[in-house]
N, C-alpha and C. Protein backbone atom coordinates (compact mmCIF):
# COMPACT_ATOMS: atom_id res chain seq x y z
N MET A 1 127.61 107.76 17.43
CA MET A 1 128.05 109.13 17.51
C MET A 1 127.46 109.95 16.35
N VAL A 2 127.37 109.32 15.20
CA VAL A 2 126.82 110.03 14.04
C VAL A 2 125.36 110.39 14.30
N ASP A 3 124.61 109.44 14.85
CA ASP A 3 123.20 109.70 15.16
C ASP A 3 123.08 110.80 16.22
N ARG A 4 123.93 110.76 17.21
CA ARG A 4 123.90 111.77 18.26
C ARG A 4 124.23 113.14 17.69
N ARG A 5 125.19 113.20 16.78
CA ARG A 5 125.55 114.47 16.15
C ARG A 5 124.37 115.03 15.37
N VAL A 6 123.66 114.19 14.67
CA VAL A 6 122.49 114.64 13.92
C VAL A 6 121.44 115.22 14.87
N GLU A 7 121.24 114.56 16.01
CA GLU A 7 120.30 115.07 17.01
C GLU A 7 120.73 116.44 17.54
N VAL A 8 122.01 116.57 17.85
CA VAL A 8 122.52 117.81 18.41
C VAL A 8 122.40 118.94 17.40
N VAL A 9 122.77 118.68 16.17
CA VAL A 9 122.68 119.71 15.12
C VAL A 9 121.23 120.10 14.88
N ALA A 10 120.33 119.14 14.90
CA ALA A 10 118.91 119.44 14.71
C ALA A 10 118.38 120.29 15.87
N ARG A 11 118.76 119.95 17.07
CA ARG A 11 118.34 120.74 18.24
C ARG A 11 118.92 122.15 18.17
N LEU A 12 120.17 122.26 17.79
CA LEU A 12 120.80 123.58 17.65
C LEU A 12 120.07 124.42 16.61
N LYS A 13 119.74 123.81 15.50
CA LYS A 13 119.02 124.53 14.43
C LYS A 13 117.64 124.97 14.90
N ALA A 14 116.93 124.10 15.61
CA ALA A 14 115.59 124.44 16.11
C ALA A 14 115.66 125.59 17.11
N LEU A 15 116.63 125.53 18.02
CA LEU A 15 116.79 126.61 19.01
C LEU A 15 117.23 127.91 18.34
N GLU A 16 118.10 127.78 17.37
CA GLU A 16 118.57 128.94 16.62
C GLU A 16 117.40 129.62 15.90
N ASP A 17 116.55 128.83 15.28
CA ASP A 17 115.39 129.36 14.57
C ASP A 17 114.41 130.03 15.53
N ALA A 18 114.19 129.41 16.67
CA ALA A 18 113.24 129.96 17.65
C ALA A 18 113.73 131.28 18.22
N ALA A 19 115.04 131.41 18.41
CA ALA A 19 115.61 132.63 18.99
C ALA A 19 116.01 133.65 17.94
N ALA A 20 115.93 133.29 16.66
CA ALA A 20 116.43 134.15 15.58
C ALA A 20 115.91 135.58 15.60
N PRO A 21 114.60 135.81 15.79
CA PRO A 21 114.15 137.21 15.77
C PRO A 21 114.82 138.06 16.86
N LEU A 22 114.98 137.51 18.03
CA LEU A 22 115.60 138.24 19.12
C LEU A 22 117.10 138.39 18.91
N VAL A 23 117.76 137.35 18.41
CA VAL A 23 119.20 137.41 18.14
C VAL A 23 119.46 138.48 17.07
N THR A 24 118.63 138.51 16.04
CA THR A 24 118.77 139.52 14.99
C THR A 24 118.62 140.92 15.58
N PHE A 25 117.62 141.09 16.44
CA PHE A 25 117.43 142.37 17.11
C PHE A 25 118.67 142.76 17.91
N LEU A 26 119.21 141.81 18.68
CA LEU A 26 120.35 142.08 19.55
C LEU A 26 121.62 142.40 18.77
N GLN A 27 121.70 141.95 17.53
CA GLN A 27 122.87 142.23 16.70
C GLN A 27 122.80 143.61 16.05
N ASN A 28 121.65 144.26 16.13
CA ASN A 28 121.46 145.60 15.58
C ASN A 28 121.71 146.62 16.69
N ALA A 29 122.88 147.26 16.65
CA ALA A 29 123.26 148.19 17.72
C ALA A 29 122.28 149.34 17.86
N ASN A 30 121.76 149.84 16.75
CA ASN A 30 120.79 150.95 16.81
C ASN A 30 119.51 150.52 17.50
N ALA A 31 119.05 149.32 17.21
CA ALA A 31 117.83 148.81 17.83
C ALA A 31 118.03 148.57 19.32
N VAL A 32 119.17 148.03 19.69
CA VAL A 32 119.45 147.75 21.10
C VAL A 32 119.48 149.03 21.92
N GLN A 33 119.89 150.13 21.31
CA GLN A 33 119.92 151.41 22.02
C GLN A 33 118.53 151.88 22.43
N GLU A 34 117.50 151.31 21.82
CA GLU A 34 116.13 151.66 22.18
C GLU A 34 115.70 151.04 23.52
N LEU A 35 116.44 150.03 23.97
CA LEU A 35 116.10 149.38 25.23
C LEU A 35 116.35 150.32 26.40
N ARG A 36 115.53 150.19 27.42
CA ARG A 36 115.65 151.01 28.62
C ARG A 36 115.79 150.10 29.84
N ALA A 37 115.96 150.72 30.99
CA ALA A 37 116.07 149.95 32.24
C ALA A 37 114.73 149.33 32.63
N ASP A 38 113.64 149.86 32.11
CA ASP A 38 112.29 149.39 32.40
C ASP A 38 111.98 148.15 31.56
N LYS A 39 111.97 146.98 32.18
CA LYS A 39 111.75 145.73 31.45
C LYS A 39 110.37 145.67 30.81
N GLN A 40 109.36 146.19 31.48
CA GLN A 40 108.01 146.15 30.92
C GLN A 40 107.94 146.97 29.63
N TYR A 41 108.60 148.13 29.64
CA TYR A 41 108.66 148.95 28.43
C TYR A 41 109.34 148.17 27.31
N ASN A 42 110.47 147.53 27.64
CA ASN A 42 111.22 146.78 26.64
C ASN A 42 110.37 145.66 26.04
N LEU A 43 109.67 144.94 26.89
CA LEU A 43 108.84 143.84 26.40
C LEU A 43 107.74 144.35 25.47
N GLN A 44 107.12 145.45 25.86
CA GLN A 44 106.06 146.04 25.04
C GLN A 44 106.62 146.55 23.72
N MET A 45 107.76 147.23 23.77
CA MET A 45 108.40 147.77 22.57
C MET A 45 108.82 146.64 21.63
N LEU A 46 109.42 145.60 22.17
CA LEU A 46 109.83 144.46 21.34
C LEU A 46 108.63 143.80 20.67
N ASN A 47 107.55 143.68 21.42
CA ASN A 47 106.35 143.07 20.88
C ASN A 47 105.73 143.94 19.79
N ASP A 48 105.61 145.24 20.05
CA ASP A 48 104.95 146.15 19.12
C ASP A 48 105.77 146.38 17.85
N ARG A 49 107.05 146.63 17.99
CA ARG A 49 107.88 147.00 16.83
C ARG A 49 108.51 145.83 16.10
N TYR A 50 108.82 144.77 16.84
CA TYR A 50 109.60 143.68 16.24
C TYR A 50 108.89 142.32 16.31
N GLN A 51 107.69 142.28 16.85
CA GLN A 51 106.93 141.04 17.02
C GLN A 51 107.74 139.98 17.76
N ILE A 52 108.45 140.44 18.80
CA ILE A 52 109.22 139.55 19.66
C ILE A 52 108.49 139.48 20.99
N GLY A 53 108.12 138.26 21.38
CA GLY A 53 107.35 138.07 22.60
C GLY A 53 108.05 137.15 23.59
N PRO A 54 107.31 136.74 24.61
CA PRO A 54 107.88 135.87 25.64
C PRO A 54 108.44 134.55 25.11
N ASP A 55 107.86 134.03 24.05
CA ASP A 55 108.36 132.77 23.49
C ASP A 55 109.77 132.92 22.94
N GLN A 56 110.02 134.03 22.25
CA GLN A 56 111.37 134.26 21.71
C GLN A 56 112.37 134.55 22.82
N ILE A 57 111.92 135.23 23.87
CA ILE A 57 112.82 135.51 24.99
C ILE A 57 113.19 134.22 25.70
N GLU A 58 112.20 133.35 25.90
CA GLU A 58 112.49 132.04 26.50
C GLU A 58 113.37 131.21 25.57
N ALA A 59 113.16 131.33 24.27
CA ALA A 59 113.99 130.60 23.30
C ALA A 59 115.44 131.07 23.39
N LEU A 60 115.65 132.37 23.67
CA LEU A 60 117.01 132.88 23.82
C LEU A 60 117.70 132.21 25.00
N TYR A 61 116.96 132.02 26.11
CA TYR A 61 117.53 131.33 27.28
C TYR A 61 117.92 129.89 26.90
N GLN A 62 117.02 129.19 26.25
CA GLN A 62 117.29 127.80 25.86
C GLN A 62 118.46 127.72 24.89
N TYR A 63 118.51 128.68 23.97
CA TYR A 63 119.61 128.73 22.99
C TYR A 63 120.93 128.99 23.71
N ALA A 64 120.94 129.93 24.66
CA ALA A 64 122.15 130.24 25.43
C ALA A 64 122.60 129.02 26.23
N LYS A 65 121.65 128.35 26.85
CA LYS A 65 121.96 127.16 27.63
C LYS A 65 122.58 126.07 26.74
N PHE A 66 122.02 125.91 25.57
CA PHE A 66 122.55 124.91 24.64
C PHE A 66 123.94 125.30 24.15
N GLN A 67 124.15 126.59 23.91
CA GLN A 67 125.48 127.07 23.52
C GLN A 67 126.50 126.72 24.61
N PHE A 68 126.11 126.92 25.87
CA PHE A 68 126.98 126.58 26.99
C PHE A 68 127.29 125.09 26.98
N GLU A 69 126.26 124.27 26.82
CA GLU A 69 126.45 122.81 26.83
C GLU A 69 127.34 122.33 25.69
N CYS A 70 127.37 123.10 24.59
CA CYS A 70 128.21 122.75 23.45
C CYS A 70 129.62 123.33 23.57
N GLY A 71 129.87 124.11 24.62
CA GLY A 71 131.20 124.65 24.82
C GLY A 71 131.42 126.04 24.26
N ASN A 72 130.38 126.66 23.73
CA ASN A 72 130.50 128.03 23.23
C ASN A 72 130.18 128.98 24.39
N TYR A 73 131.15 129.14 25.29
CA TYR A 73 130.93 129.90 26.51
C TYR A 73 130.77 131.39 26.23
N SER A 74 131.49 131.88 25.25
CA SER A 74 131.39 133.30 24.91
C SER A 74 129.98 133.65 24.43
N GLY A 75 129.47 132.85 23.51
CA GLY A 75 128.11 133.07 23.01
C GLY A 75 127.09 132.91 24.12
N ALA A 76 127.27 131.90 24.95
CA ALA A 76 126.35 131.67 26.06
C ALA A 76 126.35 132.85 27.02
N ALA A 77 127.52 133.36 27.36
CA ALA A 77 127.61 134.49 28.28
C ALA A 77 126.91 135.72 27.71
N ASP A 78 127.12 135.98 26.42
CA ASP A 78 126.48 137.14 25.78
C ASP A 78 124.96 136.99 25.78
N TYR A 79 124.48 135.83 25.39
CA TYR A 79 123.03 135.62 25.32
C TYR A 79 122.38 135.63 26.70
N LEU A 80 123.07 135.06 27.69
CA LEU A 80 122.53 135.06 29.05
C LEU A 80 122.48 136.48 29.61
N TYR A 81 123.48 137.29 29.28
CA TYR A 81 123.46 138.69 29.71
C TYR A 81 122.25 139.40 29.10
N GLN A 82 122.05 139.22 27.80
CA GLN A 82 120.91 139.85 27.12
C GLN A 82 119.59 139.31 27.66
N TYR A 83 119.54 138.03 27.91
CA TYR A 83 118.32 137.42 28.45
C TYR A 83 117.95 138.06 29.78
N ARG A 84 118.93 138.24 30.65
CA ARG A 84 118.67 138.83 31.98
C ARG A 84 118.10 140.23 31.86
N ALA A 85 118.51 140.96 30.82
CA ALA A 85 118.01 142.32 30.64
C ALA A 85 116.53 142.33 30.24
N LEU A 86 116.04 141.21 29.73
CA LEU A 86 114.66 141.13 29.25
C LEU A 86 113.76 140.26 30.12
N CYS A 87 114.34 139.41 30.92
CA CYS A 87 113.59 138.43 31.70
C CYS A 87 112.85 139.09 32.86
N THR A 88 111.61 138.69 33.05
CA THR A 88 110.82 139.20 34.18
C THR A 88 110.64 138.15 35.27
N ASN A 89 111.07 136.93 35.03
CA ASN A 89 110.98 135.85 36.00
C ASN A 89 112.26 135.84 36.83
N SER A 90 112.15 136.16 38.12
CA SER A 90 113.34 136.29 38.95
C SER A 90 114.11 134.98 39.11
N GLU A 91 113.40 133.86 39.18
CA GLU A 91 114.09 132.57 39.32
C GLU A 91 114.89 132.24 38.06
N ARG A 92 114.29 132.49 36.90
CA ARG A 92 114.96 132.21 35.63
C ARG A 92 116.13 133.18 35.44
N SER A 93 115.96 134.41 35.86
CA SER A 93 117.03 135.40 35.77
C SER A 93 118.21 134.99 36.65
N LEU A 94 117.91 134.47 37.83
CA LEU A 94 118.96 133.98 38.73
C LEU A 94 119.70 132.80 38.11
N SER A 95 118.96 131.92 37.49
CA SER A 95 119.57 130.77 36.81
C SER A 95 120.48 131.24 35.68
N ALA A 96 120.05 132.26 34.94
CA ALA A 96 120.87 132.80 33.87
C ALA A 96 122.14 133.44 34.42
N LEU A 97 122.04 134.06 35.58
CA LEU A 97 123.22 134.67 36.21
C LEU A 97 124.22 133.61 36.63
N TRP A 98 123.74 132.51 37.19
CA TRP A 98 124.63 131.39 37.53
C TRP A 98 125.32 130.87 36.27
N GLY A 99 124.57 130.74 35.19
CA GLY A 99 125.15 130.27 33.93
C GLY A 99 126.19 131.23 33.38
N LYS A 100 125.91 132.52 33.48
CA LYS A 100 126.88 133.52 33.01
C LYS A 100 128.14 133.46 33.85
N LEU A 101 127.99 133.30 35.17
CA LEU A 101 129.15 133.17 36.04
C LEU A 101 130.00 131.98 35.61
N ALA A 102 129.37 130.85 35.41
CA ALA A 102 130.11 129.64 35.00
C ALA A 102 130.83 129.85 33.67
N ALA A 103 130.15 130.50 32.72
CA ALA A 103 130.76 130.74 31.41
C ALA A 103 131.98 131.65 31.55
N GLU A 104 131.87 132.69 32.35
CA GLU A 104 133.00 133.61 32.53
C GLU A 104 134.17 132.91 33.21
N ILE A 105 133.88 132.03 34.17
CA ILE A 105 134.94 131.26 34.82
C ILE A 105 135.61 130.34 33.81
N LEU A 106 134.83 129.66 33.01
CA LEU A 106 135.40 128.74 32.03
C LEU A 106 136.22 129.45 30.95
N MET A 107 135.87 130.70 30.68
CA MET A 107 136.67 131.50 29.74
C MET A 107 137.83 132.20 30.43
N GLN A 108 137.93 132.05 31.75
CA GLN A 108 138.97 132.65 32.57
C GLN A 108 138.95 134.17 32.50
N ASN A 109 137.74 134.74 32.41
CA ASN A 109 137.54 136.18 32.48
C ASN A 109 137.33 136.54 33.94
N TRP A 110 138.42 136.63 34.69
CA TRP A 110 138.33 136.73 36.14
C TRP A 110 137.68 138.01 36.62
N ASP A 111 137.94 139.13 35.96
CA ASP A 111 137.34 140.39 36.40
C ASP A 111 135.82 140.37 36.20
N ILE A 112 135.39 139.91 35.06
CA ILE A 112 133.94 139.82 34.79
C ILE A 112 133.30 138.79 35.70
N ALA A 113 133.99 137.67 35.88
CA ALA A 113 133.47 136.63 36.78
C ALA A 113 133.30 137.17 38.19
N LEU A 114 134.24 138.00 38.63
CA LEU A 114 134.14 138.59 39.97
C LEU A 114 132.93 139.53 40.05
N GLU A 115 132.68 140.29 39.00
CA GLU A 115 131.49 141.15 38.97
C GLU A 115 130.22 140.32 39.08
N GLU A 116 130.16 139.23 38.33
CA GLU A 116 128.97 138.36 38.37
C GLU A 116 128.84 137.70 39.74
N LEU A 117 129.95 137.31 40.33
CA LEU A 117 129.93 136.71 41.66
C LEU A 117 129.36 137.70 42.68
N ASN A 118 129.80 138.94 42.60
CA ASN A 118 129.30 139.97 43.52
C ASN A 118 127.82 140.24 43.29
N ARG A 119 127.41 140.21 42.04
CA ARG A 119 125.98 140.39 41.72
C ARG A 119 125.16 139.24 42.32
N LEU A 120 125.66 138.03 42.18
CA LEU A 120 124.99 136.86 42.75
C LEU A 120 124.93 136.96 44.28
N LYS A 121 126.03 137.37 44.89
CA LYS A 121 126.07 137.50 46.35
C LYS A 121 125.01 138.48 46.82
N GLU A 122 124.90 139.61 46.15
CA GLU A 122 123.88 140.61 46.52
C GLU A 122 122.48 140.01 46.45
N ILE A 123 122.21 139.28 45.38
CA ILE A 123 120.89 138.68 45.20
C ILE A 123 120.62 137.63 46.28
N ILE A 124 121.60 136.77 46.52
CA ILE A 124 121.43 135.70 47.51
C ILE A 124 121.23 136.29 48.91
N ASP A 125 122.00 137.32 49.23
CA ASP A 125 121.90 137.92 50.56
C ASP A 125 120.62 138.73 50.75
N SER A 126 120.04 139.22 49.68
CA SER A 126 118.84 140.07 49.81
C SER A 126 117.54 139.35 49.47
N LYS A 127 117.63 138.26 48.75
CA LYS A 127 116.45 137.54 48.28
C LYS A 127 115.79 136.76 49.42
N SER A 128 114.47 136.72 49.39
CA SER A 128 113.78 135.86 50.36
C SER A 128 113.55 134.51 49.68
N PHE A 129 114.16 133.50 50.23
CA PHE A 129 114.09 132.16 49.66
C PHE A 129 112.88 131.43 50.23
N SER A 130 112.46 130.39 49.53
CA SER A 130 111.31 129.62 49.97
C SER A 130 111.59 128.89 51.28
N SER A 131 112.86 128.60 51.52
CA SER A 131 113.24 127.98 52.79
C SER A 131 114.66 128.42 53.15
N PRO A 132 114.97 128.44 54.43
CA PRO A 132 116.35 128.80 54.82
C PRO A 132 117.39 127.84 54.23
N LEU A 133 117.00 126.58 54.05
CA LEU A 133 117.92 125.61 53.47
C LEU A 133 118.33 126.02 52.05
N ASN A 134 117.38 126.52 51.26
CA ASN A 134 117.70 126.96 49.89
C ASN A 134 118.71 128.10 49.90
N GLN A 135 118.55 129.01 50.85
CA GLN A 135 119.49 130.13 50.94
C GLN A 135 120.87 129.64 51.35
N VAL A 136 120.93 128.73 52.30
CA VAL A 136 122.22 128.17 52.72
C VAL A 136 122.89 127.44 51.56
N GLN A 137 122.11 126.66 50.82
CA GLN A 137 122.67 125.96 49.66
C GLN A 137 123.21 126.94 48.63
N SER A 138 122.49 128.02 48.40
CA SER A 138 122.94 129.03 47.44
C SER A 138 124.24 129.67 47.91
N ARG A 139 124.34 129.94 49.20
CA ARG A 139 125.57 130.52 49.74
C ARG A 139 126.74 129.54 49.61
N ILE A 140 126.48 128.28 49.85
CA ILE A 140 127.54 127.28 49.72
C ILE A 140 128.00 127.18 48.27
N TRP A 141 127.07 127.19 47.34
CA TRP A 141 127.44 127.16 45.92
C TRP A 141 128.24 128.42 45.56
N LEU A 142 127.84 129.54 46.11
CA LEU A 142 128.56 130.79 45.85
C LEU A 142 130.00 130.67 46.36
N MET A 143 130.16 130.12 47.54
CA MET A 143 131.50 129.93 48.11
C MET A 143 132.32 128.99 47.22
N HIS A 144 131.69 127.93 46.76
CA HIS A 144 132.37 126.97 45.89
C HIS A 144 132.87 127.64 44.62
N TRP A 145 131.96 128.32 43.92
CA TRP A 145 132.33 128.97 42.66
C TRP A 145 133.33 130.08 42.89
N SER A 146 133.26 130.74 44.04
CA SER A 146 134.19 131.85 44.32
C SER A 146 135.63 131.37 44.37
N LEU A 147 135.86 130.13 44.76
CA LEU A 147 137.22 129.61 44.84
C LEU A 147 137.93 129.69 43.49
N PHE A 148 137.22 129.37 42.42
CA PHE A 148 137.83 129.44 41.08
C PHE A 148 138.30 130.87 40.79
N ILE A 149 137.48 131.82 41.18
CA ILE A 149 137.80 133.22 40.90
C ILE A 149 138.91 133.70 41.82
N PHE A 150 138.75 133.48 43.12
CA PHE A 150 139.70 134.03 44.08
C PHE A 150 141.10 133.44 43.92
N PHE A 151 141.20 132.19 43.52
CA PHE A 151 142.53 131.60 43.34
C PHE A 151 143.19 132.04 42.04
N ASN A 152 142.45 132.73 41.19
CA ASN A 152 143.00 133.18 39.92
C ASN A 152 143.00 134.70 39.73
N HIS A 153 142.30 135.40 40.58
CA HIS A 153 142.20 136.85 40.46
C HIS A 153 143.37 137.51 41.20
N ASP A 154 143.84 138.65 40.69
CA ASP A 154 144.98 139.33 41.30
C ASP A 154 144.76 139.66 42.77
N ASN A 155 143.57 140.08 43.12
CA ASN A 155 143.27 140.49 44.49
C ASN A 155 142.48 139.40 45.22
N GLY A 156 142.57 138.17 44.76
CA GLY A 156 141.76 137.08 45.27
C GLY A 156 141.97 136.72 46.72
N ARG A 157 143.20 136.78 47.17
CA ARG A 157 143.46 136.39 48.57
C ARG A 157 142.73 137.29 49.55
N THR A 158 142.75 138.56 49.28
CA THR A 158 142.06 139.51 50.16
C THR A 158 140.55 139.29 50.09
N GLN A 159 140.05 139.09 48.88
CA GLN A 159 138.61 138.97 48.70
C GLN A 159 138.05 137.67 49.27
N ILE A 160 138.81 136.59 49.21
CA ILE A 160 138.33 135.34 49.80
C ILE A 160 138.24 135.48 51.32
N ILE A 161 139.20 136.16 51.90
CA ILE A 161 139.15 136.38 53.35
C ILE A 161 137.96 137.25 53.71
N ASP A 162 137.75 138.31 52.92
CA ASP A 162 136.61 139.20 53.18
C ASP A 162 135.29 138.45 53.09
N LEU A 163 135.12 137.63 52.06
CA LEU A 163 133.86 136.90 51.89
C LEU A 163 133.66 135.88 53.00
N PHE A 164 134.67 135.07 53.22
CA PHE A 164 134.51 133.97 54.17
C PHE A 164 134.46 134.43 55.62
N ASN A 165 134.83 135.68 55.89
CA ASN A 165 134.75 136.21 57.25
C ASN A 165 133.48 137.00 57.51
N GLN A 166 132.61 137.12 56.53
CA GLN A 166 131.32 137.78 56.76
C GLN A 166 130.45 136.85 57.60
N ASP A 167 129.66 137.43 58.50
CA ASP A 167 128.85 136.64 59.44
C ASP A 167 128.04 135.55 58.74
N LYS A 168 127.41 135.89 57.64
CA LYS A 168 126.54 134.93 56.95
C LYS A 168 127.33 133.74 56.39
N TYR A 169 128.62 133.95 56.16
CA TYR A 169 129.44 132.91 55.55
C TYR A 169 130.34 132.21 56.57
N VAL A 170 130.69 132.91 57.64
CA VAL A 170 131.50 132.30 58.71
C VAL A 170 130.75 131.12 59.32
N THR A 171 129.48 131.30 59.57
CA THR A 171 128.69 130.22 60.17
C THR A 171 128.67 129.00 59.26
N LEU A 172 128.67 129.23 57.96
CA LEU A 172 128.70 128.10 57.03
C LEU A 172 130.03 127.38 57.07
N THR A 173 131.12 128.15 57.10
CA THR A 173 132.43 127.52 57.09
C THR A 173 132.69 126.76 58.39
N THR A 174 132.18 127.25 59.50
CA THR A 174 132.37 126.53 60.75
C THR A 174 131.52 125.26 60.80
N LYS A 175 130.36 125.29 60.16
CA LYS A 175 129.50 124.11 60.14
C LYS A 175 130.01 123.05 59.18
N LEU A 176 130.78 123.49 58.16
CA LEU A 176 131.30 122.56 57.18
C LEU A 176 132.51 121.78 57.71
N LYS A 177 133.13 122.24 58.77
CA LYS A 177 134.34 121.58 59.30
C LYS A 177 134.04 120.23 59.88
């Protein structure tokens, strides 16, 4: 266990160092206000003014993922949110959204988790997947994760009925029986 702890701490330190320039930027409220909805502008501005490039942005994702694995769900959710604002890779952004959803569920932030669930649903329903099977699997995972939210959210009973009665989801529930 001692050896494993040393490995984990070393990995945490390495990820922390790699993401440090971007984390420092994100902690500066005045600097963050410079960000816009245009991701390309943000990437160019970060590179020009702060020497923050794709490597640091990817390091932020890895750092957030490691924070999640260590049980720091609050930090992971914050970093994944910031990562999504800067990420240009749609697959990686989707992965970050799933991670943020899981973190919000584990922190029992039901309202925020519901917002993330709805965001995921929109993406899954509108995204063109490489195969129909991938889309079905994503919908099934969405239904699975939604149970945690709907059984704990004040308006969950109504929302679970609404979701599971939509055409795209009814066919899944009937096939699962």
